[in-house]
N, C-alpha and C. Protein backbone atom coordinates (compact mmCIF):
# COMPACT_ATOMS: atom_id res chain seq x y z
N MET A 1 -50.51 -8.11 -2.04
CA MET A 1 -49.81 -7.57 -0.87
C MET A 1 -48.71 -6.62 -1.33
N ALA A 2 -48.67 -5.42 -0.78
CA ALA A 2 -47.69 -4.44 -1.21
C ALA A 2 -46.29 -4.87 -0.79
N LYS A 3 -45.35 -4.61 -1.68
CA LYS A 3 -43.96 -4.97 -1.40
C LYS A 3 -43.38 -4.01 -0.38
N ALA A 4 -42.75 -4.57 0.65
CA ALA A 4 -42.18 -3.73 1.70
C ALA A 4 -41.02 -2.92 1.16
N LYS A 5 -40.97 -1.66 1.56
CA LYS A 5 -39.89 -0.79 1.13
C LYS A 5 -38.74 -0.85 2.13
N ARG A 6 -37.55 -0.74 1.59
CA ARG A 6 -36.38 -0.74 2.46
C ARG A 6 -36.29 0.57 3.21
N ALA A 7 -36.03 0.48 4.49
CA ALA A 7 -35.91 1.68 5.32
C ALA A 7 -34.70 2.49 4.88
N PRO A 8 -34.79 3.82 5.03
CA PRO A 8 -33.64 4.67 4.68
C PRO A 8 -32.40 4.22 5.43
N GLY A 9 -31.31 4.05 4.66
CA GLY A 9 -30.07 3.62 5.29
C GLY A 9 -30.00 2.13 5.51
N GLY A 10 -31.05 1.41 5.08
CA GLY A 10 -31.06 -0.03 5.29
C GLY A 10 -30.22 -0.74 4.26
N GLY A 11 -30.14 -2.05 4.40
CA GLY A 11 -29.37 -2.84 3.44
C GLY A 11 -27.95 -3.06 3.91
N ARG A 12 -27.21 -3.86 3.16
CA ARG A 12 -25.83 -4.20 3.52
C ARG A 12 -24.92 -3.00 3.34
N LYS A 13 -24.11 -2.73 4.34
CA LYS A 13 -23.19 -1.61 4.29
C LYS A 13 -21.93 -1.98 3.50
N ARG A 14 -21.41 -1.00 2.78
CA ARG A 14 -20.15 -1.20 2.07
C ARG A 14 -19.03 -1.36 3.09
N LEU A 15 -18.07 -2.21 2.77
CA LEU A 15 -16.97 -2.46 3.68
C LEU A 15 -15.85 -1.45 3.53
N GLY A 16 -15.86 -0.67 2.49
CA GLY A 16 -14.81 0.31 2.28
C GLY A 16 -14.96 0.94 0.93
N PRO A 17 -14.18 2.01 0.65
CA PRO A 17 -14.33 2.73 -0.61
C PRO A 17 -13.96 1.92 -1.83
N SER A 18 -13.16 0.85 -1.64
CA SER A 18 -12.73 0.08 -2.80
C SER A 18 -13.65 -1.09 -3.10
N VAL A 19 -14.63 -1.37 -2.21
CA VAL A 19 -15.51 -2.52 -2.41
C VAL A 19 -16.64 -2.12 -3.35
N ALA A 20 -16.70 -2.78 -4.51
CA ALA A 20 -17.72 -2.40 -5.48
C ALA A 20 -18.52 -3.59 -5.97
N ARG A 21 -18.00 -4.78 -5.83
CA ARG A 21 -18.68 -5.96 -6.39
C ARG A 21 -18.70 -7.09 -5.37
N ASN A 22 -19.76 -7.89 -5.44
CA ASN A 22 -19.84 -9.09 -4.61
C ASN A 22 -19.01 -10.20 -5.24
N LEU A 23 -18.48 -11.07 -4.39
CA LEU A 23 -17.70 -12.20 -4.87
C LEU A 23 -18.14 -13.43 -4.09
N THR A 24 -18.62 -14.44 -4.80
CA THR A 24 -19.09 -15.67 -4.16
C THR A 24 -17.99 -16.73 -4.25
N ILE A 25 -17.59 -17.27 -3.12
CA ILE A 25 -16.57 -18.31 -3.09
C ILE A 25 -17.04 -19.47 -2.23
N ARG A 26 -16.41 -20.62 -2.43
CA ARG A 26 -16.73 -21.80 -1.63
C ARG A 26 -15.53 -22.14 -0.74
N ILE A 27 -15.77 -22.31 0.54
CA ILE A 27 -14.71 -22.70 1.46
C ILE A 27 -15.22 -23.84 2.33
N ASP A 28 -14.30 -24.67 2.84
CA ASP A 28 -14.72 -25.80 3.65
C ASP A 28 -15.14 -25.35 5.04
N ASP A 29 -15.86 -26.19 5.71
CA ASP A 29 -16.44 -25.84 7.01
C ASP A 29 -15.37 -25.49 8.04
N GLU A 30 -14.25 -26.22 8.02
CA GLU A 30 -13.20 -25.98 9.01
C GLU A 30 -12.61 -24.57 8.85
N LEU A 31 -12.33 -24.18 7.60
CA LEU A 31 -11.77 -22.86 7.35
C LEU A 31 -12.76 -21.76 7.73
N ARG A 32 -14.02 -21.97 7.39
CA ARG A 32 -15.04 -20.97 7.74
C ARG A 32 -15.14 -20.81 9.25
N GLU A 33 -15.10 -21.93 9.97
CA GLU A 33 -15.19 -21.88 11.42
C GLU A 33 -14.01 -21.11 12.02
N ARG A 34 -12.81 -21.34 11.46
CA ARG A 34 -11.63 -20.62 11.96
C ARG A 34 -11.76 -19.13 11.71
N LEU A 35 -12.24 -18.77 10.51
CA LEU A 35 -12.41 -17.36 10.18
C LEU A 35 -13.48 -16.69 11.05
N GLU A 36 -14.56 -17.42 11.29
CA GLU A 36 -15.63 -16.87 12.13
C GLU A 36 -15.15 -16.67 13.56
N THR A 37 -14.31 -17.59 14.04
CA THR A 37 -13.75 -17.45 15.40
C THR A 37 -12.87 -16.22 15.49
N GLU A 38 -12.00 -16.02 14.48
CA GLU A 38 -11.11 -14.86 14.46
C GLU A 38 -11.91 -13.56 14.35
N ALA A 39 -12.95 -13.59 13.51
CA ALA A 39 -13.78 -12.40 13.35
C ALA A 39 -14.50 -12.06 14.64
N SER A 40 -14.97 -13.08 15.34
CA SER A 40 -15.66 -12.87 16.61
C SER A 40 -14.71 -12.30 17.66
N ASN A 41 -13.48 -12.82 17.70
CA ASN A 41 -12.49 -12.31 18.65
C ASN A 41 -12.15 -10.84 18.36
N ARG A 42 -12.02 -10.51 17.07
CA ARG A 42 -11.67 -9.14 16.71
C ARG A 42 -12.84 -8.19 16.95
N ALA A 43 -14.08 -8.71 16.83
CA ALA A 43 -15.27 -7.88 17.04
C ALA A 43 -15.37 -7.38 18.48
N ARG A 44 -14.69 -8.07 19.39
CA ARG A 44 -14.71 -7.61 20.78
C ARG A 44 -13.91 -6.32 20.95
N ARG A 45 -12.95 -6.10 20.00
CA ARG A 45 -12.11 -4.90 20.07
C ARG A 45 -12.52 -3.84 19.07
N LYS A 46 -13.17 -4.27 17.97
CA LYS A 46 -13.54 -3.31 16.92
C LYS A 46 -15.04 -3.41 16.67
N ARG A 47 -15.74 -2.31 16.75
CA ARG A 47 -17.19 -2.31 16.57
C ARG A 47 -17.56 -2.65 15.13
N ASN A 48 -18.68 -3.34 14.98
CA ASN A 48 -19.24 -3.67 13.66
C ASN A 48 -18.32 -4.51 12.79
N TRP A 49 -17.40 -5.24 13.41
CA TRP A 49 -16.51 -6.12 12.65
C TRP A 49 -17.25 -7.40 12.30
N ASN A 50 -17.09 -7.89 11.05
CA ASN A 50 -17.81 -9.11 10.66
C ASN A 50 -16.90 -10.03 9.85
N LEU A 51 -17.47 -11.14 9.42
CA LEU A 51 -16.70 -12.16 8.71
C LEU A 51 -16.13 -11.64 7.40
N SER A 52 -16.93 -10.87 6.65
CA SER A 52 -16.44 -10.34 5.38
C SER A 52 -15.23 -9.44 5.57
N GLN A 53 -15.26 -8.60 6.60
CA GLN A 53 -14.14 -7.72 6.87
C GLN A 53 -12.90 -8.52 7.28
N GLU A 54 -13.11 -9.59 8.02
CA GLU A 54 -11.99 -10.45 8.43
C GLU A 54 -11.32 -11.06 7.21
N ILE A 55 -12.13 -11.56 6.27
CA ILE A 55 -11.58 -12.18 5.05
C ILE A 55 -10.83 -11.16 4.21
N LEU A 56 -11.42 -9.95 4.03
CA LEU A 56 -10.76 -8.91 3.25
C LEU A 56 -9.44 -8.49 3.88
N MET A 57 -9.43 -8.35 5.20
CA MET A 57 -8.22 -7.96 5.89
C MET A 57 -7.11 -8.99 5.68
N ARG A 58 -7.48 -10.28 5.78
CA ARG A 58 -6.47 -11.32 5.63
C ARG A 58 -5.98 -11.47 4.19
N LEU A 59 -6.85 -11.21 3.23
CA LEU A 59 -6.41 -11.21 1.83
C LEU A 59 -5.43 -10.08 1.58
N ASN A 60 -5.72 -8.91 2.12
CA ASN A 60 -4.82 -7.77 1.97
C ASN A 60 -3.47 -8.05 2.63
N GLN A 61 -3.49 -8.66 3.80
CA GLN A 61 -2.25 -8.99 4.49
C GLN A 61 -1.42 -9.98 3.67
N SER A 62 -2.09 -10.94 3.05
CA SER A 62 -1.39 -11.92 2.21
C SER A 62 -0.73 -11.24 1.02
N LEU A 63 -1.45 -10.31 0.37
CA LEU A 63 -0.88 -9.58 -0.76
C LEU A 63 0.27 -8.69 -0.32
N ASP A 64 0.14 -8.10 0.88
CA ASP A 64 1.22 -7.26 1.40
C ASP A 64 2.49 -8.08 1.59
N ARG A 65 2.35 -9.28 2.19
CA ARG A 65 3.52 -10.12 2.43
C ARG A 65 4.15 -10.56 1.11
N GLU A 66 3.32 -10.85 0.11
CA GLU A 66 3.84 -11.25 -1.19
C GLU A 66 4.62 -10.11 -1.83
N GLN A 67 4.10 -8.89 -1.69
CA GLN A 67 4.80 -7.73 -2.24
C GLN A 67 6.12 -7.51 -1.52
N GLU A 68 6.11 -7.61 -0.19
CA GLU A 68 7.32 -7.40 0.59
C GLU A 68 8.37 -8.46 0.30
N GLY A 69 7.92 -9.64 -0.16
CA GLY A 69 8.86 -10.71 -0.47
C GLY A 69 9.79 -10.36 -1.60
N GLY A 70 9.41 -9.37 -2.43
CA GLY A 70 10.27 -8.97 -3.54
C GLY A 70 11.34 -7.98 -3.13
N TYR A 71 11.31 -7.51 -1.88
CA TYR A 71 12.30 -6.55 -1.41
C TYR A 71 13.52 -7.26 -0.84
N ASP A 72 14.66 -6.59 -0.87
CA ASP A 72 15.85 -7.16 -0.24
C ASP A 72 15.71 -7.03 1.28
N THR A 73 16.57 -7.74 2.01
CA THR A 73 16.43 -7.80 3.46
C THR A 73 16.64 -6.44 4.12
N ALA A 74 17.55 -5.62 3.59
CA ALA A 74 17.79 -4.30 4.18
C ALA A 74 16.56 -3.41 4.03
N THR A 75 15.90 -3.48 2.87
CA THR A 75 14.69 -2.69 2.66
C THR A 75 13.61 -3.10 3.64
N ARG A 76 13.42 -4.41 3.80
CA ARG A 76 12.41 -4.89 4.74
C ARG A 76 12.73 -4.45 6.16
N ALA A 77 14.02 -4.46 6.52
CA ALA A 77 14.42 -4.07 7.87
C ALA A 77 14.11 -2.60 8.13
N ILE A 78 14.44 -1.73 7.17
CA ILE A 78 14.20 -0.30 7.35
C ILE A 78 12.70 0.00 7.39
N CYS A 79 11.94 -0.67 6.53
CA CYS A 79 10.48 -0.48 6.54
C CYS A 79 9.90 -0.90 7.89
N PHE A 80 10.42 -2.00 8.44
CA PHE A 80 9.95 -2.46 9.75
C PHE A 80 10.26 -1.43 10.83
N LEU A 81 11.48 -0.90 10.83
CA LEU A 81 11.88 0.05 11.86
C LEU A 81 11.07 1.34 11.78
N ILE A 82 10.82 1.82 10.57
CA ILE A 82 10.00 3.03 10.41
C ILE A 82 8.57 2.76 10.86
N SER A 83 8.07 1.56 10.56
CA SER A 83 6.74 1.18 11.00
C SER A 83 6.66 1.15 12.53
N GLU A 84 7.71 0.63 13.17
CA GLU A 84 7.74 0.60 14.63
C GLU A 84 7.74 2.02 15.20
N LEU A 85 8.43 2.93 14.55
CA LEU A 85 8.46 4.32 14.98
C LEU A 85 7.05 4.91 14.97
N ILE A 86 6.31 4.61 13.90
CA ILE A 86 4.94 5.12 13.77
C ILE A 86 4.05 4.51 14.85
N GLN A 87 4.13 3.19 15.01
CA GLN A 87 3.25 2.52 15.97
C GLN A 87 3.53 2.94 17.40
N ALA A 88 4.81 3.21 17.72
CA ALA A 88 5.17 3.51 19.10
C ALA A 88 4.86 4.95 19.51
N GLY A 89 5.11 5.91 18.62
CA GLY A 89 5.00 7.30 19.06
C GLY A 89 4.13 8.22 18.24
N ILE A 90 3.70 7.79 17.06
CA ILE A 90 2.92 8.68 16.20
C ILE A 90 1.45 8.27 16.16
N ARG A 91 1.18 7.04 15.80
CA ARG A 91 -0.20 6.59 15.63
C ARG A 91 -1.03 6.62 16.91
N PRO A 92 -0.45 6.31 18.10
CA PRO A 92 -1.28 6.34 19.32
C PRO A 92 -1.98 7.69 19.55
N ASN A 93 -1.44 8.77 18.99
CA ASN A 93 -2.05 10.08 19.15
C ASN A 93 -3.27 10.27 18.27
N ASN A 94 -3.26 9.59 17.11
CA ASN A 94 -4.35 9.76 16.15
C ASN A 94 -4.19 8.74 15.05
N ASP A 95 -5.21 7.89 14.83
CA ASP A 95 -5.13 6.89 13.76
C ASP A 95 -4.97 7.54 12.40
N LEU A 96 -5.48 8.76 12.25
CA LEU A 96 -5.34 9.50 10.99
C LEU A 96 -4.15 10.45 11.07
N TRP A 97 -3.03 9.94 11.60
CA TRP A 97 -1.84 10.76 11.79
C TRP A 97 -1.31 11.34 10.49
N HIS A 98 -1.53 10.62 9.37
CA HIS A 98 -1.00 11.09 8.09
C HIS A 98 -1.75 12.31 7.57
N ARG A 99 -2.88 12.68 8.23
CA ARG A 99 -3.62 13.87 7.85
C ARG A 99 -3.52 14.97 8.90
N ASP A 100 -2.72 14.73 9.91
CA ASP A 100 -2.51 15.71 10.97
C ASP A 100 -1.18 16.42 10.73
N PRO A 101 -1.18 17.73 10.48
CA PRO A 101 0.06 18.45 10.16
C PRO A 101 1.15 18.29 11.22
N PHE A 102 0.77 18.37 12.50
CA PHE A 102 1.76 18.26 13.58
C PHE A 102 2.39 16.86 13.60
N LEU A 103 1.54 15.83 13.58
CA LEU A 103 2.05 14.46 13.66
C LEU A 103 2.83 14.07 12.42
N PHE A 104 2.37 14.50 11.24
CA PHE A 104 3.11 14.13 10.02
C PHE A 104 4.48 14.80 10.00
N ARG A 105 4.54 16.09 10.43
CA ARG A 105 5.85 16.77 10.47
C ARG A 105 6.77 16.08 11.48
N SER A 106 6.21 15.66 12.62
CA SER A 106 7.00 14.94 13.62
C SER A 106 7.53 13.64 13.04
N PHE A 107 6.68 12.93 12.31
CA PHE A 107 7.08 11.68 11.67
C PHE A 107 8.21 11.92 10.68
N ARG A 108 8.06 12.94 9.83
CA ARG A 108 9.06 13.23 8.82
C ARG A 108 10.42 13.54 9.45
N LEU A 109 10.40 14.35 10.50
CA LEU A 109 11.64 14.71 11.18
C LEU A 109 12.26 13.51 11.90
N ALA A 110 11.40 12.69 12.51
CA ALA A 110 11.90 11.51 13.24
C ALA A 110 12.58 10.54 12.29
N VAL A 111 11.97 10.32 11.12
CA VAL A 111 12.57 9.41 10.14
C VAL A 111 13.91 9.97 9.67
N GLY A 112 13.97 11.29 9.41
CA GLY A 112 15.24 11.90 9.00
C GLY A 112 16.31 11.75 10.06
N ASN A 113 15.94 11.98 11.33
CA ASN A 113 16.90 11.83 12.42
C ASN A 113 17.39 10.39 12.54
N PHE A 114 16.44 9.46 12.44
CA PHE A 114 16.79 8.05 12.57
C PHE A 114 17.74 7.61 11.45
N LEU A 115 17.41 7.96 10.20
CA LEU A 115 18.24 7.54 9.07
C LEU A 115 19.63 8.17 9.14
N SER A 116 19.70 9.40 9.65
CA SER A 116 21.01 10.05 9.75
C SER A 116 21.92 9.31 10.74
N LYS A 117 21.31 8.66 11.73
CA LYS A 117 22.09 7.93 12.74
C LYS A 117 22.65 6.61 12.22
N ILE A 118 21.97 6.01 11.24
CA ILE A 118 22.45 4.72 10.73
C ILE A 118 23.10 4.85 9.35
N GLU A 119 23.28 6.08 8.88
CA GLU A 119 23.92 6.30 7.58
C GLU A 119 25.35 5.78 7.62
N PRO A 120 25.76 4.99 6.64
CA PRO A 120 27.12 4.42 6.65
C PRO A 120 28.18 5.51 6.47
N PRO A 121 29.30 5.39 7.19
CA PRO A 121 30.37 6.38 7.06
C PRO A 121 31.18 6.15 5.77
N GLY A 122 32.01 7.11 5.43
CA GLY A 122 32.88 6.95 4.27
C GLY A 122 32.67 8.02 3.23
N LYS A 123 33.54 8.03 2.23
CA LYS A 123 33.49 9.01 1.16
C LYS A 123 32.30 8.73 0.25
N ILE A 124 31.61 9.78 -0.16
CA ILE A 124 30.44 9.63 -1.03
C ILE A 124 30.88 9.61 -2.48
N ILE A 125 30.72 8.44 -3.12
CA ILE A 125 31.11 8.25 -4.53
C ILE A 125 29.93 7.62 -5.26
N ALA A 126 29.52 8.20 -6.36
CA ALA A 126 28.39 7.67 -7.12
C ALA A 126 28.75 6.31 -7.71
N PRO A 127 27.90 5.27 -7.53
CA PRO A 127 28.15 3.96 -8.13
C PRO A 127 28.19 4.05 -9.66
N ALA A 128 28.95 3.18 -10.27
CA ALA A 128 29.09 3.20 -11.73
C ALA A 128 27.94 2.47 -12.39
N ARG A 129 26.75 3.07 -12.32
CA ARG A 129 25.56 2.49 -12.93
C ARG A 129 24.89 3.54 -13.80
N THR A 130 23.97 3.09 -14.65
CA THR A 130 23.37 3.98 -15.64
C THR A 130 22.73 5.21 -15.02
N LEU A 131 21.90 5.02 -13.98
CA LEU A 131 21.18 6.13 -13.39
C LEU A 131 22.11 7.11 -12.71
N THR A 132 23.01 6.56 -11.88
CA THR A 132 23.90 7.43 -11.11
C THR A 132 25.05 7.99 -11.95
N SER A 133 25.23 7.50 -13.16
CA SER A 133 26.27 8.06 -14.01
C SER A 133 25.88 9.45 -14.48
N VAL A 134 24.58 9.75 -14.48
CA VAL A 134 24.08 11.07 -14.85
C VAL A 134 23.81 11.91 -13.60
N LEU A 135 23.24 11.28 -12.60
CA LEU A 135 22.93 11.96 -11.34
C LEU A 135 24.05 11.67 -10.35
N LYS A 136 25.08 12.49 -10.37
CA LYS A 136 26.32 12.16 -9.69
C LYS A 136 26.38 12.58 -8.23
N THR A 137 25.33 13.23 -7.73
CA THR A 137 25.32 13.61 -6.31
C THR A 137 24.09 13.02 -5.64
N PRO A 138 24.17 12.77 -4.33
CA PRO A 138 23.00 12.26 -3.61
C PRO A 138 21.79 13.19 -3.74
N GLN A 139 22.04 14.49 -3.79
CA GLN A 139 20.94 15.45 -3.90
C GLN A 139 20.20 15.31 -5.23
N LEU A 140 20.96 15.17 -6.33
CA LEU A 140 20.34 15.03 -7.64
C LEU A 140 19.57 13.73 -7.75
N LEU A 141 20.15 12.66 -7.24
CA LEU A 141 19.48 11.36 -7.29
C LEU A 141 18.22 11.38 -6.43
N ALA A 142 18.31 12.01 -5.24
CA ALA A 142 17.15 12.09 -4.35
C ALA A 142 16.02 12.87 -4.99
N GLU A 143 16.36 13.98 -5.65
CA GLU A 143 15.33 14.79 -6.31
C GLU A 143 14.67 14.01 -7.44
N TYR A 144 15.47 13.29 -8.22
CA TYR A 144 14.93 12.49 -9.32
C TYR A 144 14.00 11.40 -8.79
N LEU A 145 14.44 10.68 -7.76
CA LEU A 145 13.64 9.57 -7.21
C LEU A 145 12.35 10.09 -6.58
N SER A 146 12.43 11.23 -5.90
CA SER A 146 11.24 11.80 -5.29
C SER A 146 10.20 12.16 -6.34
N GLU A 147 10.67 12.81 -7.43
CA GLU A 147 9.75 13.21 -8.49
C GLU A 147 9.15 11.98 -9.18
N MET A 148 9.96 10.95 -9.37
CA MET A 148 9.47 9.72 -9.99
C MET A 148 8.40 9.07 -9.13
N LEU A 149 8.64 9.03 -7.81
CA LEU A 149 7.68 8.43 -6.89
C LEU A 149 6.38 9.23 -6.86
N LEU A 150 6.50 10.55 -6.85
CA LEU A 150 5.31 11.40 -6.83
C LEU A 150 4.51 11.25 -8.12
N ASP A 151 5.20 11.14 -9.26
CA ASP A 151 4.51 10.93 -10.53
C ASP A 151 3.71 9.63 -10.50
N ASN A 152 4.32 8.57 -9.98
CA ASN A 152 3.63 7.28 -9.90
C ASN A 152 2.46 7.32 -8.93
N LEU A 153 2.59 8.13 -7.87
CA LEU A 153 1.55 8.19 -6.86
C LEU A 153 0.36 9.02 -7.31
N PHE A 154 0.62 10.14 -7.97
CA PHE A 154 -0.45 11.06 -8.32
C PHE A 154 -0.96 10.90 -9.75
N MET A 155 -0.25 10.16 -10.57
CA MET A 155 -0.68 9.96 -11.95
C MET A 155 -0.96 8.48 -12.16
N PRO A 156 -1.89 8.11 -13.05
CA PRO A 156 -2.18 6.70 -13.30
C PRO A 156 -0.99 6.00 -13.92
N MET A 157 -0.68 4.81 -13.43
CA MET A 157 0.47 4.06 -13.96
C MET A 157 0.12 3.32 -15.24
N MET A 158 -1.18 3.05 -15.45
CA MET A 158 -1.58 2.27 -16.62
C MET A 158 -1.62 3.17 -17.86
N THR A 159 -0.45 3.71 -18.20
CA THR A 159 -0.32 4.50 -19.41
C THR A 159 -0.18 3.55 -20.60
N PRO A 160 -0.38 4.03 -21.83
CA PRO A 160 -0.20 3.16 -22.99
C PRO A 160 1.17 2.50 -23.03
N THR A 161 2.21 3.26 -22.64
CA THR A 161 3.57 2.71 -22.64
C THR A 161 3.70 1.59 -21.63
N ARG A 162 3.18 1.83 -20.40
CA ARG A 162 3.26 0.82 -19.36
C ARG A 162 2.46 -0.41 -19.73
N LEU A 163 1.30 -0.21 -20.31
CA LEU A 163 0.47 -1.33 -20.73
C LEU A 163 1.17 -2.16 -21.79
N ALA A 164 1.82 -1.49 -22.74
CA ALA A 164 2.55 -2.19 -23.80
C ALA A 164 3.69 -3.01 -23.21
N GLU A 165 4.37 -2.46 -22.21
CA GLU A 165 5.45 -3.19 -21.55
C GLU A 165 4.92 -4.44 -20.86
N ALA A 166 3.77 -4.32 -20.21
CA ALA A 166 3.19 -5.47 -19.52
C ALA A 166 2.77 -6.55 -20.51
N VAL A 167 2.17 -6.14 -21.64
CA VAL A 167 1.74 -7.09 -22.67
C VAL A 167 2.96 -7.83 -23.24
N LYS A 168 4.04 -7.10 -23.50
CA LYS A 168 5.26 -7.72 -24.03
C LYS A 168 5.84 -8.72 -23.04
N ALA A 169 5.78 -8.39 -21.74
CA ALA A 169 6.30 -9.29 -20.72
C ALA A 169 5.52 -10.60 -20.70
N VAL A 170 4.20 -10.49 -20.85
CA VAL A 170 3.35 -11.69 -20.88
C VAL A 170 3.63 -12.50 -22.15
N GLU A 171 3.78 -11.82 -23.27
CA GLU A 171 4.00 -12.49 -24.55
C GLU A 171 5.31 -13.27 -24.58
N ARG A 172 6.33 -12.74 -23.91
CA ARG A 172 7.63 -13.45 -23.90
C ARG A 172 7.78 -14.34 -22.67
N ASP A 173 6.66 -14.56 -21.97
CA ASP A 173 6.63 -15.44 -20.81
C ASP A 173 7.60 -14.99 -19.71
N ASP A 174 7.78 -13.68 -19.60
CA ASP A 174 8.64 -13.14 -18.55
C ASP A 174 7.78 -12.95 -17.30
N GLU A 175 7.63 -14.02 -16.54
CA GLU A 175 6.74 -13.99 -15.38
C GLU A 175 7.22 -13.00 -14.32
N GLU A 176 8.54 -12.87 -14.17
CA GLU A 176 9.08 -11.95 -13.16
C GLU A 176 8.72 -10.50 -13.48
N ALA A 177 8.88 -10.11 -14.77
CA ALA A 177 8.57 -8.74 -15.16
C ALA A 177 7.07 -8.46 -15.05
N ALA A 178 6.25 -9.44 -15.46
CA ALA A 178 4.80 -9.27 -15.38
C ALA A 178 4.34 -9.16 -13.93
N ALA A 179 4.92 -10.00 -13.07
CA ALA A 179 4.55 -9.97 -11.65
C ALA A 179 4.98 -8.65 -11.02
N LYS A 180 6.15 -8.13 -11.40
CA LYS A 180 6.63 -6.86 -10.87
C LYS A 180 5.68 -5.73 -11.26
N PHE A 181 5.23 -5.75 -12.51
CA PHE A 181 4.31 -4.72 -12.98
C PHE A 181 3.01 -4.75 -12.19
N LEU A 182 2.44 -5.93 -12.01
CA LEU A 182 1.18 -6.05 -11.27
C LEU A 182 1.36 -5.67 -9.80
N ARG A 183 2.51 -6.03 -9.23
CA ARG A 183 2.78 -5.69 -7.84
C ARG A 183 2.84 -4.17 -7.66
N GLU A 184 3.48 -3.49 -8.62
CA GLU A 184 3.57 -2.04 -8.54
C GLU A 184 2.19 -1.40 -8.73
N GLU A 185 1.42 -1.91 -9.70
CA GLU A 185 0.08 -1.37 -9.93
C GLU A 185 -0.76 -1.48 -8.66
N TYR A 186 -0.72 -2.65 -8.04
CA TYR A 186 -1.51 -2.87 -6.83
C TYR A 186 -0.99 -1.99 -5.70
N GLY A 187 0.34 -1.92 -5.55
CA GLY A 187 0.93 -1.19 -4.46
C GLY A 187 0.60 0.29 -4.49
N PHE A 188 0.72 0.93 -5.65
CA PHE A 188 0.44 2.36 -5.75
C PHE A 188 -1.05 2.65 -5.59
N GLU A 189 -1.89 1.77 -6.14
CA GLU A 189 -3.34 1.96 -5.98
C GLU A 189 -3.71 1.86 -4.51
N ARG A 190 -3.14 0.91 -3.82
CA ARG A 190 -3.43 0.72 -2.40
C ARG A 190 -2.92 1.90 -1.58
N ALA A 191 -1.74 2.41 -1.93
CA ALA A 191 -1.18 3.56 -1.22
C ALA A 191 -2.07 4.78 -1.38
N ARG A 192 -2.55 5.01 -2.62
CA ARG A 192 -3.45 6.15 -2.84
C ARG A 192 -4.72 6.02 -2.01
N ARG A 193 -5.25 4.81 -1.98
CA ARG A 193 -6.51 4.59 -1.25
C ARG A 193 -6.34 4.83 0.24
N HIS A 194 -5.26 4.29 0.82
CA HIS A 194 -5.07 4.42 2.26
C HIS A 194 -4.69 5.83 2.68
N LEU A 195 -4.06 6.59 1.79
CA LEU A 195 -3.67 7.96 2.11
C LEU A 195 -4.71 8.98 1.69
N GLY A 196 -5.78 8.50 1.02
CA GLY A 196 -6.82 9.42 0.58
C GLY A 196 -6.37 10.33 -0.53
N ILE A 197 -5.49 9.81 -1.42
CA ILE A 197 -4.95 10.62 -2.52
C ILE A 197 -5.73 10.34 -3.79
N GLU A 198 -6.13 11.40 -4.48
CA GLU A 198 -6.84 11.27 -5.74
C GLU A 198 -5.89 11.50 -6.90
N LEU A 199 -6.13 10.78 -7.99
CA LEU A 199 -5.30 10.95 -9.17
C LEU A 199 -5.49 12.35 -9.73
N LYS A 200 -4.44 12.90 -10.29
CA LYS A 200 -4.52 14.23 -10.89
C LYS A 200 -5.48 14.20 -12.07
N GLY A 201 -6.37 15.19 -12.13
CA GLY A 201 -7.31 15.26 -13.24
C GLY A 201 -8.52 14.40 -13.03
N GLY A 202 -8.58 13.65 -11.90
CA GLY A 202 -9.76 12.79 -11.67
C GLY A 202 -9.73 11.59 -12.57
N ASN A 203 -9.46 10.42 -12.02
CA ASN A 203 -9.36 9.17 -12.79
C ASN A 203 -8.27 9.22 -13.84
N GLY A 204 -7.29 10.12 -13.60
CA GLY A 204 -6.17 10.17 -14.50
C GLY A 204 -6.43 10.87 -15.79
N LYS A 205 -7.57 11.56 -15.95
CA LYS A 205 -7.90 12.21 -17.21
C LYS A 205 -7.46 13.68 -17.17
């Protein structure tokens, strides 16, 4: 008997650009039932939603909360407020607002206006710390931080130097430093994926 051929486009669909490997896990019946119920409820609002997507979404949410746990309360508060700004007035116009020139410019200006309103009053004096001892004005520090963030976003973080730092942290049992490194690696990779940003040179080469 001839083996049936798979129809064009047939087979299991990928759940996203980052999904490359199958993972088999064991969960108890109660947990599976709860996940299936949540997936079914969400499927009423989102087409083609399934159990695997529900599990991936919840794993990502868990990692997000863990990452946010390392931030101070003021950072979490500002991130929340900016997120509310996006959800209330930017995203409803287009889910891909970050790729829309009009909406992204509106977002950038809105954030600038908002931050200017809550900026603390008083004389501007550079704190007596290593970084600000060289960058003595807000403009210089802002330029430095922006360039550093862009380098991390567009260039691979797993450089030989960074890898050596991570290995040393593990060797000296510095769990906090090792966890911070992994959190940053995950965070920047996730940011690139969600924003559709490719590494410079393709795969960092």
